[in-house]
Amino acid sequence: MTLDICVKVAVGAPDVLGDCPFSQRVLLTLEEKKLPYKIHLINVTDKPQWFLDISPEGKVPVMKLDGKWVADSDAIVGILEDKYPEPSLKTPPEFASVGSKIFGAFVTFLLSKDANDGSEKALVNELEAFDSYLKTHSGPFVGGEKPTAVDLSLAPKLYHLEIVLAHYKNWSVPESLTNLRNYANALFSRESFVKTKAEHKFVVAGWASKVNE
């Protein structure tokens, strides 16, 4: 049975997959579990009425599971894991929060207009902590040899961080964080990631409205 999923369309390209990291997280889960799915591309700046009928908050991703439309990537991924347990993508509880503050620190730094507000240092601290974690645990992924839900959540966020900070801040992850760089490369090179990622230009375009507010 093919699963229906609504995800963000690319800015300025009505037939192209957009840049939502939460949508990509669900698509990665579907790919890693080898589940068939059909994508419905949603223009989040001009949402069609049928979409608002199934997702009153107007958020993506939204997925049809057991006849009901489910919003929120956490909820969707949890249900997919329960319904389709093989291959398991369950993250051991002790690793579930690893790297969880990186995305928030990235967005704060990206939107900061004050070079002295400490937001860059806060991001570097989070990235250094993650790099140290990877250094002391057998990888290449957070929980070991195989990716789990925590990796599939982090991968799109790190991809956005890399592209968007380079474009808008002329900033890149410190060269010294080799464990983090290797980790990102291991995820970005997976077939599931290559198949579900947004093009660089659409990631940049997707953040433009937030950066220029």
N, C-alpha and C. Protein backbone atom coordinates (compact mmCIF):
# COMPACT_ATOMS: atom_id res chain seq x y z
N MET A 1 0.84 -1.21 0.00
CA MET A 1 0.00 0.00 0.00
C MET A 1 0.87 1.25 0.00
N THR A 2 0.57 2.14 -0.92
CA THR A 2 1.35 3.38 -1.02
C THR A 2 0.87 4.39 0.01
N LEU A 3 1.81 4.99 0.72
CA LEU A 3 1.49 5.96 1.76
C LEU A 3 1.49 7.38 1.17
N ASP A 4 0.50 8.17 1.55
CA ASP A 4 0.40 9.56 1.06
C ASP A 4 1.05 10.51 2.06
N ILE A 5 1.90 11.39 1.55
CA ILE A 5 2.56 12.38 2.41
C ILE A 5 2.56 13.75 1.74
N CYS A 6 2.20 14.77 2.51
CA CYS A 6 2.22 16.16 2.04
C CYS A 6 3.49 16.83 2.56
N VAL A 7 4.26 17.40 1.62
CA VAL A 7 5.51 18.07 1.99
C VAL A 7 5.60 19.42 1.28
N LYS A 8 6.56 20.21 1.69
CA LYS A 8 6.72 21.56 1.14
C LYS A 8 7.27 21.53 -0.29
N VAL A 9 6.68 22.37 -1.13
CA VAL A 9 7.18 22.52 -2.49
C VAL A 9 8.32 23.54 -2.48
N ALA A 10 9.22 23.45 -3.45
CA ALA A 10 10.33 24.38 -3.53
C ALA A 10 9.83 25.79 -3.86
N VAL A 11 10.50 26.79 -3.29
CA VAL A 11 10.16 28.19 -3.56
C VAL A 11 10.44 28.49 -5.03
N GLY A 12 9.40 28.91 -5.75
CA GLY A 12 9.58 29.30 -7.16
C GLY A 12 9.64 28.15 -8.13
N ALA A 13 9.40 26.92 -7.65
CA ALA A 13 9.44 25.76 -8.55
C ALA A 13 8.30 24.80 -8.16
N PRO A 14 7.13 24.94 -8.80
CA PRO A 14 5.92 24.24 -8.34
C PRO A 14 5.95 22.72 -8.42
N ASP A 15 6.91 22.15 -9.15
CA ASP A 15 6.94 20.68 -9.29
C ASP A 15 8.16 20.05 -8.63
N VAL A 16 8.83 20.81 -7.76
CA VAL A 16 10.10 20.33 -7.18
C VAL A 16 9.98 20.23 -5.66
N LEU A 17 10.57 19.18 -5.11
CA LEU A 17 10.59 18.98 -3.66
C LEU A 17 11.26 20.16 -2.97
N GLY A 18 10.62 20.66 -1.91
CA GLY A 18 11.14 21.82 -1.20
C GLY A 18 12.10 21.49 -0.07
N ASP A 19 12.35 22.49 0.75
CA ASP A 19 13.50 22.46 1.65
C ASP A 19 13.17 22.17 3.12
N CYS A 20 11.99 21.68 3.44
CA CYS A 20 11.62 21.50 4.85
C CYS A 20 12.39 20.33 5.48
N PRO A 21 13.22 20.60 6.51
CA PRO A 21 14.00 19.51 7.12
C PRO A 21 13.13 18.49 7.84
N PHE A 22 11.95 18.92 8.29
CA PHE A 22 11.05 18.00 9.00
C PHE A 22 10.36 17.06 8.01
N SER A 23 10.04 17.60 6.83
CA SER A 23 9.50 16.75 5.77
C SER A 23 10.55 15.74 5.32
N GLN A 24 11.79 16.22 5.15
CA GLN A 24 12.84 15.29 4.71
C GLN A 24 13.07 14.19 5.73
N ARG A 25 12.96 14.52 7.00
CA ARG A 25 13.13 13.50 8.04
C ARG A 25 12.16 12.33 7.83
N VAL A 26 10.90 12.65 7.52
CA VAL A 26 9.90 11.60 7.29
C VAL A 26 10.22 10.84 6.00
N LEU A 27 10.62 11.56 4.95
CA LEU A 27 10.96 10.90 3.69
C LEU A 27 12.16 9.98 3.88
N LEU A 28 13.13 10.40 4.68
CA LEU A 28 14.29 9.54 4.98
C LEU A 28 13.84 8.26 5.68
N THR A 29 12.92 8.40 6.61
CA THR A 29 12.39 7.24 7.34
C THR A 29 11.73 6.27 6.37
N LEU A 30 10.92 6.81 5.45
CA LEU A 30 10.24 5.97 4.46
C LEU A 30 11.25 5.26 3.56
N GLU A 31 12.27 5.99 3.13
CA GLU A 31 13.30 5.41 2.26
C GLU A 31 14.09 4.32 2.99
N GLU A 32 14.50 4.61 4.22
CA GLU A 32 15.31 3.63 4.96
C GLU A 32 14.50 2.36 5.26
N LYS A 33 13.19 2.52 5.41
CA LYS A 33 12.32 1.36 5.67
C LYS A 33 11.80 0.74 4.37
N LYS A 34 12.17 1.33 3.23
CA LYS A 34 11.78 0.82 1.91
C LYS A 34 10.24 0.74 1.77
N LEU A 35 9.58 1.78 2.25
CA LEU A 35 8.12 1.84 2.16
C LEU A 35 7.70 2.67 0.95
N PRO A 36 6.76 2.20 0.15
CA PRO A 36 6.31 2.99 -1.01
C PRO A 36 5.47 4.18 -0.57
N TYR A 37 5.68 5.31 -1.22
CA TYR A 37 4.94 6.52 -0.83
C TYR A 37 4.70 7.41 -2.04
N LYS A 38 3.69 8.27 -1.88
CA LYS A 38 3.37 9.25 -2.92
C LYS A 38 3.44 10.63 -2.29
N ILE A 39 4.22 11.51 -2.92
CA ILE A 39 4.40 12.87 -2.41
C ILE A 39 3.35 13.81 -3.00
N HIS A 40 2.78 14.64 -2.13
CA HIS A 40 1.90 15.74 -2.55
C HIS A 40 2.61 17.03 -2.17
N LEU A 41 2.98 17.82 -3.17
CA LEU A 41 3.74 19.04 -2.92
C LEU A 41 2.81 20.19 -2.56
N ILE A 42 3.11 20.86 -1.44
CA ILE A 42 2.24 21.93 -0.93
C ILE A 42 2.98 23.27 -0.96
N ASN A 43 2.33 24.25 -1.56
CA ASN A 43 2.86 25.63 -1.52
C ASN A 43 2.46 26.22 -0.17
N VAL A 44 3.42 26.36 0.73
CA VAL A 44 3.09 26.78 2.10
C VAL A 44 2.75 28.27 2.20
N THR A 45 3.01 29.03 1.14
CA THR A 45 2.62 30.45 1.16
C THR A 45 1.25 30.67 0.51
N ASP A 46 0.72 29.63 -0.13
CA ASP A 46 -0.61 29.71 -0.74
C ASP A 46 -1.23 28.32 -0.66
N LYS A 47 -1.64 27.95 0.55
CA LYS A 47 -2.07 26.57 0.79
C LYS A 47 -3.44 26.31 0.17
N PRO A 48 -3.56 25.19 -0.56
CA PRO A 48 -4.87 24.85 -1.14
C PRO A 48 -5.87 24.48 -0.05
N GLN A 49 -7.13 24.70 -0.32
CA GLN A 49 -8.18 24.46 0.68
C GLN A 49 -8.22 23.00 1.11
N TRP A 50 -8.05 22.08 0.16
CA TRP A 50 -8.11 20.65 0.53
C TRP A 50 -7.05 20.31 1.56
N PHE A 51 -5.89 21.00 1.47
CA PHE A 51 -4.82 20.75 2.44
C PHE A 51 -5.19 21.31 3.81
N LEU A 52 -5.74 22.51 3.83
CA LEU A 52 -6.17 23.12 5.10
C LEU A 52 -7.29 22.30 5.75
N ASP A 53 -8.07 21.62 4.94
CA ASP A 53 -9.13 20.76 5.49
C ASP A 53 -8.53 19.57 6.25
N ILE A 54 -7.41 19.05 5.77
CA ILE A 54 -6.79 17.89 6.45
C ILE A 54 -5.74 18.32 7.46
N SER A 55 -5.24 19.55 7.32
CA SER A 55 -4.22 20.06 8.24
C SER A 55 -4.57 21.49 8.62
N PRO A 56 -5.51 21.67 9.57
CA PRO A 56 -6.00 23.01 9.90
C PRO A 56 -4.90 24.00 10.30
N GLU A 57 -3.82 23.52 10.89
CA GLU A 57 -2.71 24.41 11.24
C GLU A 57 -1.87 24.77 10.03
N GLY A 58 -2.06 24.04 8.94
CA GLY A 58 -1.35 24.35 7.70
C GLY A 58 0.11 23.97 7.70
N LYS A 59 0.48 23.02 8.57
CA LYS A 59 1.90 22.65 8.67
C LYS A 59 2.19 21.38 7.89
N VAL A 60 3.42 21.32 7.36
CA VAL A 60 3.92 20.09 6.75
C VAL A 60 5.07 19.57 7.64
N PRO A 61 5.34 18.28 7.61
CA PRO A 61 4.68 17.24 6.84
C PRO A 61 3.37 16.79 7.48
N VAL A 62 2.50 16.25 6.63
CA VAL A 62 1.28 15.59 7.08
C VAL A 62 1.20 14.28 6.30
N MET A 63 0.87 13.20 7.02
CA MET A 63 0.86 11.89 6.37
C MET A 63 -0.41 11.12 6.71
N LYS A 64 -0.91 10.38 5.74
CA LYS A 64 -2.12 9.58 5.96
C LYS A 64 -1.72 8.20 6.48
N LEU A 65 -2.15 7.91 7.70
CA LEU A 65 -1.83 6.64 8.34
C LEU A 65 -3.10 6.06 8.94
N ASP A 66 -3.43 4.84 8.56
CA ASP A 66 -4.66 4.18 9.03
C ASP A 66 -5.90 5.04 8.78
N GLY A 67 -5.93 5.68 7.62
CA GLY A 67 -7.11 6.46 7.25
C GLY A 67 -7.19 7.84 7.85
N LYS A 68 -6.20 8.20 8.70
CA LYS A 68 -6.22 9.54 9.32
C LYS A 68 -4.99 10.31 8.90
N TRP A 69 -5.17 11.64 8.73
CA TRP A 69 -4.03 12.50 8.43
C TRP A 69 -3.34 12.90 9.73
N VAL A 70 -2.05 12.63 9.81
CA VAL A 70 -1.27 12.89 11.02
C VAL A 70 -0.24 13.98 10.72
N ALA A 71 -0.23 15.02 11.57
CA ALA A 71 0.76 16.09 11.43
C ALA A 71 1.89 15.86 12.43
N ASP A 72 3.01 16.58 12.24
CA ASP A 72 4.16 16.58 13.15
C ASP A 72 5.08 15.39 12.86
N SER A 73 6.33 15.71 12.53
CA SER A 73 7.28 14.66 12.14
C SER A 73 7.55 13.68 13.28
N ASP A 74 7.58 14.16 14.53
CA ASP A 74 7.79 13.24 15.67
C ASP A 74 6.69 12.18 15.71
N ALA A 75 5.44 12.64 15.60
CA ALA A 75 4.31 11.72 15.65
C ALA A 75 4.33 10.75 14.47
N ILE A 76 4.61 11.27 13.28
CA ILE A 76 4.61 10.42 12.08
C ILE A 76 5.68 9.35 12.18
N VAL A 77 6.89 9.76 12.54
CA VAL A 77 8.01 8.81 12.63
C VAL A 77 7.73 7.75 13.69
N GLY A 78 7.13 8.15 14.81
CA GLY A 78 6.79 7.21 15.86
C GLY A 78 5.80 6.15 15.39
N ILE A 79 4.77 6.60 14.66
CA ILE A 79 3.77 5.67 14.15
C ILE A 79 4.38 4.72 13.11
N LEU A 80 5.21 5.27 12.23
CA LEU A 80 5.86 4.43 11.21
C LEU A 80 6.71 3.34 11.87
N GLU A 81 7.42 3.71 12.93
CA GLU A 81 8.26 2.73 13.63
C GLU A 81 7.41 1.62 14.24
N ASP A 82 6.26 1.99 14.81
CA ASP A 82 5.37 1.00 15.42
C ASP A 82 4.73 0.09 14.37
N LYS A 83 4.31 0.69 13.26
CA LYS A 83 3.60 -0.07 12.22
C LYS A 83 4.54 -0.91 11.36
N TYR A 84 5.73 -0.37 11.13
CA TYR A 84 6.70 -1.04 10.25
C TYR A 84 8.03 -1.16 10.99
N PRO A 85 8.11 -2.10 11.95
CA PRO A 85 9.28 -2.14 12.83
C PRO A 85 10.58 -2.61 12.18
N GLU A 86 10.48 -3.18 10.98
CA GLU A 86 11.71 -3.66 10.31
C GLU A 86 12.00 -2.87 9.05
N PRO A 87 13.22 -2.46 8.80
CA PRO A 87 14.33 -2.47 9.76
C PRO A 87 14.09 -1.45 10.87
N SER A 88 14.54 -1.77 12.06
CA SER A 88 14.32 -0.86 13.18
C SER A 88 15.15 0.41 13.04
N LEU A 89 14.49 1.53 13.27
CA LEU A 89 15.20 2.83 13.31
C LEU A 89 15.09 3.43 14.71
N LYS A 90 14.69 2.60 15.66
CA LYS A 90 14.49 3.08 17.02
C LYS A 90 15.82 3.50 17.63
N THR A 91 15.85 4.70 18.19
CA THR A 91 17.06 5.19 18.84
C THR A 91 17.06 4.74 20.30
N PRO A 92 18.15 4.13 20.78
CA PRO A 92 18.23 3.82 22.20
C PRO A 92 17.98 5.10 23.02
N PRO A 93 17.16 5.02 24.09
CA PRO A 93 16.76 6.22 24.84
C PRO A 93 17.94 7.09 25.29
N GLU A 94 19.05 6.46 25.61
CA GLU A 94 20.19 7.24 26.12
C GLU A 94 20.83 8.12 25.05
N PHE A 95 20.51 7.85 23.78
CA PHE A 95 21.07 8.66 22.69
C PHE A 95 20.05 9.61 22.07
N ALA A 96 18.82 9.55 22.52
CA ALA A 96 17.72 10.24 21.83
C ALA A 96 17.88 11.76 21.77
N SER A 97 18.53 12.35 22.77
CA SER A 97 18.64 13.82 22.79
C SER A 97 20.00 14.32 22.31
N VAL A 98 20.85 13.43 21.83
CA VAL A 98 22.18 13.84 21.34
C VAL A 98 22.01 14.81 20.16
N GLY A 99 22.65 15.97 20.25
CA GLY A 99 22.61 16.95 19.16
C GLY A 99 21.30 17.71 19.06
N SER A 100 20.41 17.55 20.04
CA SER A 100 19.06 18.12 19.91
C SER A 100 19.01 19.64 19.98
N LYS A 101 20.08 20.27 20.49
CA LYS A 101 20.05 21.74 20.60
C LYS A 101 20.74 22.44 19.42
N ILE A 102 21.28 21.66 18.50
CA ILE A 102 22.04 22.24 17.39
C ILE A 102 21.15 23.10 16.50
N PHE A 103 19.97 22.60 16.15
CA PHE A 103 19.11 23.31 15.20
C PHE A 103 18.66 24.66 15.75
N GLY A 104 18.26 24.69 17.02
CA GLY A 104 17.85 25.95 17.64
C GLY A 104 18.98 26.96 17.69
N ALA A 105 20.19 26.47 18.01
CA ALA A 105 21.35 27.36 18.06
C ALA A 105 21.69 27.89 16.66
N PHE A 106 21.54 27.05 15.66
CA PHE A 106 21.79 27.45 14.28
C PHE A 106 20.82 28.56 13.85
N VAL A 107 19.53 28.38 14.13
CA VAL A 107 18.52 29.37 13.72
C VAL A 107 18.76 30.70 14.44
N THR A 108 19.08 30.63 15.73
CA THR A 108 19.34 31.86 16.50
C THR A 108 20.52 32.63 15.91
N PHE A 109 21.59 31.91 15.58
CA PHE A 109 22.77 32.56 14.99
C PHE A 109 22.45 33.11 13.60
N LEU A 110 21.73 32.34 12.81
CA LEU A 110 21.38 32.77 11.45
C LEU A 110 20.61 34.09 11.47
N LEU A 111 19.66 34.20 12.39
CA LEU A 111 18.78 35.37 12.42
C LEU A 111 19.36 36.54 13.23
N SER A 112 20.48 36.31 13.88
CA SER A 112 21.09 37.35 14.71
C SER A 112 21.63 38.51 13.87
N LYS A 113 21.35 39.71 14.34
CA LYS A 113 21.87 40.91 13.65
C LYS A 113 23.03 41.53 14.45
N ASP A 114 23.35 40.92 15.59
CA ASP A 114 24.38 41.47 16.48
C ASP A 114 25.53 40.48 16.61
N ALA A 115 26.68 40.85 16.07
CA ALA A 115 27.84 39.95 16.07
C ALA A 115 28.35 39.64 17.47
N ASN A 116 27.96 40.44 18.44
CA ASN A 116 28.47 40.26 19.80
C ASN A 116 27.44 39.69 20.78
N ASP A 117 26.37 39.09 20.24
CA ASP A 117 25.32 38.61 21.14
C ASP A 117 25.57 37.19 21.67
N GLY A 118 26.68 36.58 21.25
CA GLY A 118 27.02 35.25 21.77
C GLY A 118 26.37 34.10 21.02
N SER A 119 25.57 34.40 19.99
CA SER A 119 24.86 33.31 19.29
C SER A 119 25.82 32.42 18.48
N GLU A 120 26.87 33.02 17.93
CA GLU A 120 27.85 32.20 17.20
C GLU A 120 28.56 31.24 18.16
N LYS A 121 28.98 31.76 19.30
CA LYS A 121 29.67 30.94 20.30
C LYS A 121 28.76 29.82 20.81
N ALA A 122 27.48 30.14 20.99
CA ALA A 122 26.53 29.13 21.46
C ALA A 122 26.40 27.99 20.46
N LEU A 123 26.38 28.33 19.17
CA LEU A 123 26.32 27.29 18.13
C LEU A 123 27.60 26.46 18.13
N VAL A 124 28.73 27.13 18.17
CA VAL A 124 30.01 26.41 18.17
C VAL A 124 30.08 25.46 19.38
N ASN A 125 29.60 25.91 20.52
CA ASN A 125 29.60 25.06 21.72
C ASN A 125 28.79 23.78 21.49
N GLU A 126 27.62 23.94 20.87
CA GLU A 126 26.78 22.77 20.59
C GLU A 126 27.46 21.82 19.60
N LEU A 127 28.07 22.39 18.57
CA LEU A 127 28.76 21.56 17.57
C LEU A 127 29.98 20.86 18.17
N GLU A 128 30.69 21.57 19.04
CA GLU A 128 31.85 20.96 19.71
C GLU A 128 31.42 19.83 20.63
N ALA A 129 30.32 20.03 21.33
CA ALA A 129 29.81 18.98 22.22
C ALA A 129 29.42 17.74 21.42
N PHE A 130 28.82 17.96 20.27
CA PHE A 130 28.42 16.84 19.42
C PHE A 130 29.65 16.13 18.85
N ASP A 131 30.63 16.92 18.44
CA ASP A 131 31.87 16.35 17.93
C ASP A 131 32.55 15.49 19.01
N SER A 132 32.56 15.97 20.23
CA SER A 132 33.17 15.23 21.34
C SER A 132 32.42 13.93 21.60
N TYR A 133 31.10 13.99 21.50
CA TYR A 133 30.29 12.78 21.67
C TYR A 133 30.70 11.74 20.62
N LEU A 134 30.78 12.17 19.36
CA LEU A 134 31.11 11.25 18.28
C LEU A 134 32.51 10.66 18.46
N LYS A 135 33.40 11.45 19.01
CA LYS A 135 34.78 11.02 19.21
C LYS A 135 34.86 9.87 20.22
N THR A 136 33.97 9.90 21.20
CA THR A 136 34.06 8.91 22.29
C THR A 136 33.09 7.74 22.13
N HIS A 137 32.33 7.72 21.03
CA HIS A 137 31.41 6.60 20.79
C HIS A 137 31.72 5.96 19.45
N SER A 138 31.56 4.65 19.38
CA SER A 138 31.81 3.99 18.10
C SER A 138 30.68 4.35 17.14
N GLY A 139 31.04 4.73 15.95
CA GLY A 139 30.07 5.22 14.97
C GLY A 139 29.91 4.29 13.80
N PRO A 140 29.68 4.87 12.61
CA PRO A 140 29.77 6.31 12.33
C PRO A 140 28.55 7.12 12.77
N PHE A 141 27.49 6.42 13.24
CA PHE A 141 26.27 7.15 13.58
C PHE A 141 26.12 7.28 15.10
N VAL A 142 25.11 8.03 15.52
CA VAL A 142 24.95 8.34 16.95
C VAL A 142 24.87 7.08 17.80
N GLY A 143 24.11 6.08 17.30
CA GLY A 143 23.94 4.87 18.10
C GLY A 143 24.82 3.71 17.70
N GLY A 144 25.75 3.96 16.75
CA GLY A 144 26.63 2.87 16.33
C GLY A 144 26.73 2.74 14.82
N GLU A 145 26.70 1.50 14.35
CA GLU A 145 26.97 1.24 12.92
C GLU A 145 25.83 1.62 11.99
N LYS A 146 24.60 1.58 12.51
CA LYS A 146 23.45 1.85 11.63
C LYS A 146 22.74 3.13 12.05
N PRO A 147 22.22 3.88 11.08
CA PRO A 147 21.48 5.10 11.44
C PRO A 147 20.17 4.76 12.13
N THR A 148 19.77 5.62 13.05
CA THR A 148 18.47 5.48 13.71
C THR A 148 17.72 6.81 13.58
N ALA A 149 16.57 6.89 14.23
CA ALA A 149 15.72 8.08 14.11
C ALA A 149 16.45 9.37 14.43
N VAL A 150 17.34 9.34 15.42
CA VAL A 150 18.05 10.57 15.80
C VAL A 150 18.93 11.07 14.65
N ASP A 151 19.53 10.16 13.91
CA ASP A 151 20.37 10.55 12.77
C ASP A 151 19.52 11.12 11.64
N LEU A 152 18.36 10.51 11.42
CA LEU A 152 17.50 10.96 10.32
C LEU A 152 16.86 12.31 10.64
N SER A 153 16.80 12.65 11.91
CA SER A 153 16.34 13.98 12.32
C SER A 153 17.45 15.01 12.17
N LEU A 154 18.66 14.62 12.55
CA LEU A 154 19.80 15.55 12.51
C LEU A 154 20.30 15.82 11.09
N ALA A 155 20.27 14.82 10.23
CA ALA A 155 20.87 14.95 8.90
C ALA A 155 20.34 16.16 8.11
N PRO A 156 19.01 16.33 7.97
CA PRO A 156 18.51 17.48 7.21
C PRO A 156 18.87 18.81 7.88
N LYS A 157 18.91 18.81 9.21
CA LYS A 157 19.22 20.05 9.94
C LYS A 157 20.68 20.46 9.71
N LEU A 158 21.57 19.49 9.72
CA LEU A 158 22.99 19.78 9.46
C LEU A 158 23.19 20.22 8.01
N TYR A 159 22.43 19.63 7.11
CA TYR A 159 22.49 20.00 5.69
C TYR A 159 22.07 21.46 5.51
N HIS A 160 20.98 21.84 6.16
CA HIS A 160 20.52 23.23 6.11
C HIS A 160 21.55 24.17 6.75
N LEU A 161 22.05 23.78 7.89
CA LEU A 161 23.05 24.60 8.60
C LEU A 161 24.23 24.91 7.68
N GLU A 162 24.74 23.87 7.04
CA GLU A 162 25.92 24.01 6.18
C GLU A 162 25.65 24.97 5.02
N ILE A 163 24.54 24.77 4.33
CA ILE A 163 24.22 25.57 3.14
C ILE A 163 23.86 27.01 3.50
N VAL A 164 22.99 27.14 4.49
CA VAL A 164 22.41 28.46 4.79
C VAL A 164 23.41 29.39 5.46
N LEU A 165 24.21 28.87 6.38
CA LEU A 165 25.20 29.73 7.04
C LEU A 165 26.32 30.13 6.07
N ALA A 166 26.66 29.24 5.14
CA ALA A 166 27.65 29.60 4.13
C ALA A 166 27.13 30.74 3.26
N HIS A 167 25.84 30.67 2.91
CA HIS A 167 25.27 31.68 2.00
C HIS A 167 25.02 33.02 2.69
N TYR A 168 24.37 32.96 3.85
CA TYR A 168 23.93 34.20 4.48
C TYR A 168 24.93 34.79 5.47
N LYS A 169 25.84 33.97 5.98
CA LYS A 169 26.78 34.45 7.00
C LYS A 169 28.25 34.28 6.60
N ASN A 170 28.47 33.66 5.42
CA ASN A 170 29.84 33.33 5.01
C ASN A 170 30.56 32.57 6.12
N TRP A 171 29.86 31.61 6.70
CA TRP A 171 30.33 30.88 7.88
C TRP A 171 30.31 29.39 7.59
N SER A 172 31.28 28.68 8.12
CA SER A 172 31.28 27.22 7.94
C SER A 172 31.68 26.53 9.24
N VAL A 173 31.34 25.28 9.35
CA VAL A 173 31.68 24.48 10.52
C VAL A 173 33.20 24.45 10.67
N PRO A 174 33.72 24.72 11.88
CA PRO A 174 35.17 24.73 12.06
C PRO A 174 35.85 23.45 11.55
N GLU A 175 36.97 23.64 10.86
CA GLU A 175 37.72 22.50 10.28
C GLU A 175 38.11 21.48 11.34
N SER A 176 38.30 21.96 12.57
CA SER A 176 38.78 21.08 13.64
C SER A 176 37.75 20.02 14.03
N LEU A 177 36.50 20.24 13.68
CA LEU A 177 35.45 19.30 14.09
C LEU A 177 35.32 18.16 13.07
N THR A 178 36.38 17.36 13.00
CA THR A 178 36.46 16.32 11.97
C THR A 178 35.44 15.20 12.19
N ASN A 179 35.13 14.90 13.44
CA ASN A 179 34.16 13.83 13.70
C ASN A 179 32.77 14.24 13.21
N LEU A 180 32.42 15.49 13.45
CA LEU A 180 31.13 16.02 12.97
C LEU A 180 31.09 16.04 11.45
N ARG A 181 32.17 16.48 10.83
CA ARG A 181 32.21 16.54 9.36
C ARG A 181 32.07 15.15 8.75
N ASN A 182 32.77 14.18 9.34
CA ASN A 182 32.69 12.81 8.84
C ASN A 182 31.29 12.23 9.02
N TYR A 183 30.70 12.56 10.14
CA TYR A 183 29.34 12.10 10.43
C TYR A 183 28.36 12.65 9.39
N ALA A 184 28.45 13.95 9.15
CA ALA A 184 27.56 14.58 8.17
C ALA A 184 27.75 13.96 6.79
N ASN A 185 29.00 13.75 6.40
CA ASN A 185 29.28 13.17 5.09
C ASN A 185 28.73 11.76 4.96
N ALA A 186 28.81 10.99 6.07
CA ALA A 186 28.29 9.62 6.05
C ALA A 186 26.78 9.62 5.81
N LEU A 187 26.09 10.60 6.39
CA LEU A 187 24.64 10.69 6.20
C LEU A 187 24.30 11.26 4.83
N PHE A 188 25.00 12.32 4.43
CA PHE A 188 24.68 12.99 3.15
C PHE A 188 24.92 12.07 1.95
N SER A 189 25.80 11.08 2.12
CA SER A 189 26.12 10.20 0.99
C SER A 189 25.19 8.98 0.90
N ARG A 190 24.33 8.81 1.88
CA ARG A 190 23.41 7.68 1.83
C ARG A 190 22.40 7.87 0.69
N GLU A 191 22.03 6.76 0.09
CA GLU A 191 21.09 6.82 -1.04
C GLU A 191 19.78 7.50 -0.64
N SER A 192 19.32 7.21 0.58
CA SER A 192 18.07 7.79 1.06
C SER A 192 18.16 9.31 1.14
N PHE A 193 19.33 9.82 1.52
CA PHE A 193 19.50 11.27 1.65
C PHE A 193 19.59 11.93 0.27
N VAL A 194 20.38 11.34 -0.61
CA VAL A 194 20.54 11.89 -1.96
C VAL A 194 19.18 11.98 -2.66
N LYS A 195 18.35 10.99 -2.41
CA LYS A 195 17.05 10.92 -3.07
C LYS A 195 16.05 11.94 -2.52
N THR A 196 16.19 12.35 -1.26
CA THR A 196 15.16 13.17 -0.60
C THR A 196 15.60 14.60 -0.30
N LYS A 197 16.84 14.95 -0.62
CA LYS A 197 17.31 16.30 -0.27
C LYS A 197 16.82 17.34 -1.27
N ALA A 198 16.67 18.56 -0.77
CA ALA A 198 16.36 19.69 -1.65
C ALA A 198 17.66 20.21 -2.26
N GLU A 199 17.56 20.76 -3.46
CA GLU A 199 18.75 21.37 -4.08
C GLU A 199 19.22 22.57 -3.25
N HIS A 200 20.53 22.85 -3.32
CA HIS A 200 21.11 23.96 -2.56
C HIS A 200 20.32 25.25 -2.76
N LYS A 201 20.03 25.57 -4.01
CA LYS A 201 19.39 26.87 -4.30
C LYS A 201 18.00 26.96 -3.66
N PHE A 202 17.33 25.83 -3.51
CA PHE A 202 16.00 25.85 -2.90
C PHE A 202 16.09 25.93 -1.38
N VAL A 203 17.16 25.39 -0.81
CA VAL A 203 17.38 25.55 0.63
C VAL A 203 17.64 27.03 0.94
N VAL A 204 18.49 27.65 0.15
CA VAL A 204 18.78 29.09 0.32
C VAL A 204 17.50 29.90 0.17
N ALA A 205 16.73 29.62 -0.88
CA ALA A 205 15.49 30.37 -1.14
C ALA A 205 14.47 30.15 -0.03
N GLY A 206 14.45 28.96 0.52
CA GLY A 206 13.47 28.63 1.54
C GLY A 206 13.67 29.43 2.84
N TRP A 207 14.91 29.82 3.10
CA TRP A 207 15.20 30.58 4.33
C TRP A 207 15.17 32.09 4.11
N ALA A 208 15.05 32.52 2.88
CA ALA A 208 15.18 33.96 2.58
C ALA A 208 14.19 34.82 3.34
N SER A 209 12.93 34.37 3.41
CA SER A 209 11.92 35.21 4.07
C SER A 209 12.20 35.38 5.55
N LYS A 210 12.75 34.34 6.20
CA LYS A 210 13.07 34.45 7.63
C LYS A 210 14.27 35.37 7.85
N VAL A 211 15.29 35.21 7.01
CA VAL A 211 16.51 36.00 7.16
C VAL A 211 16.23 37.47 6.90
N ASN A 212 15.33 37.76 5.97
CA ASN A 212 15.07 39.14 5.56
C ASN A 212 13.93 39.81 6.31
N GLU A 213 13.42 39.13 7.34
CA GLU A 213 12.30 39.74 8.11
C GLU A 213 12.72 41.04 8.77
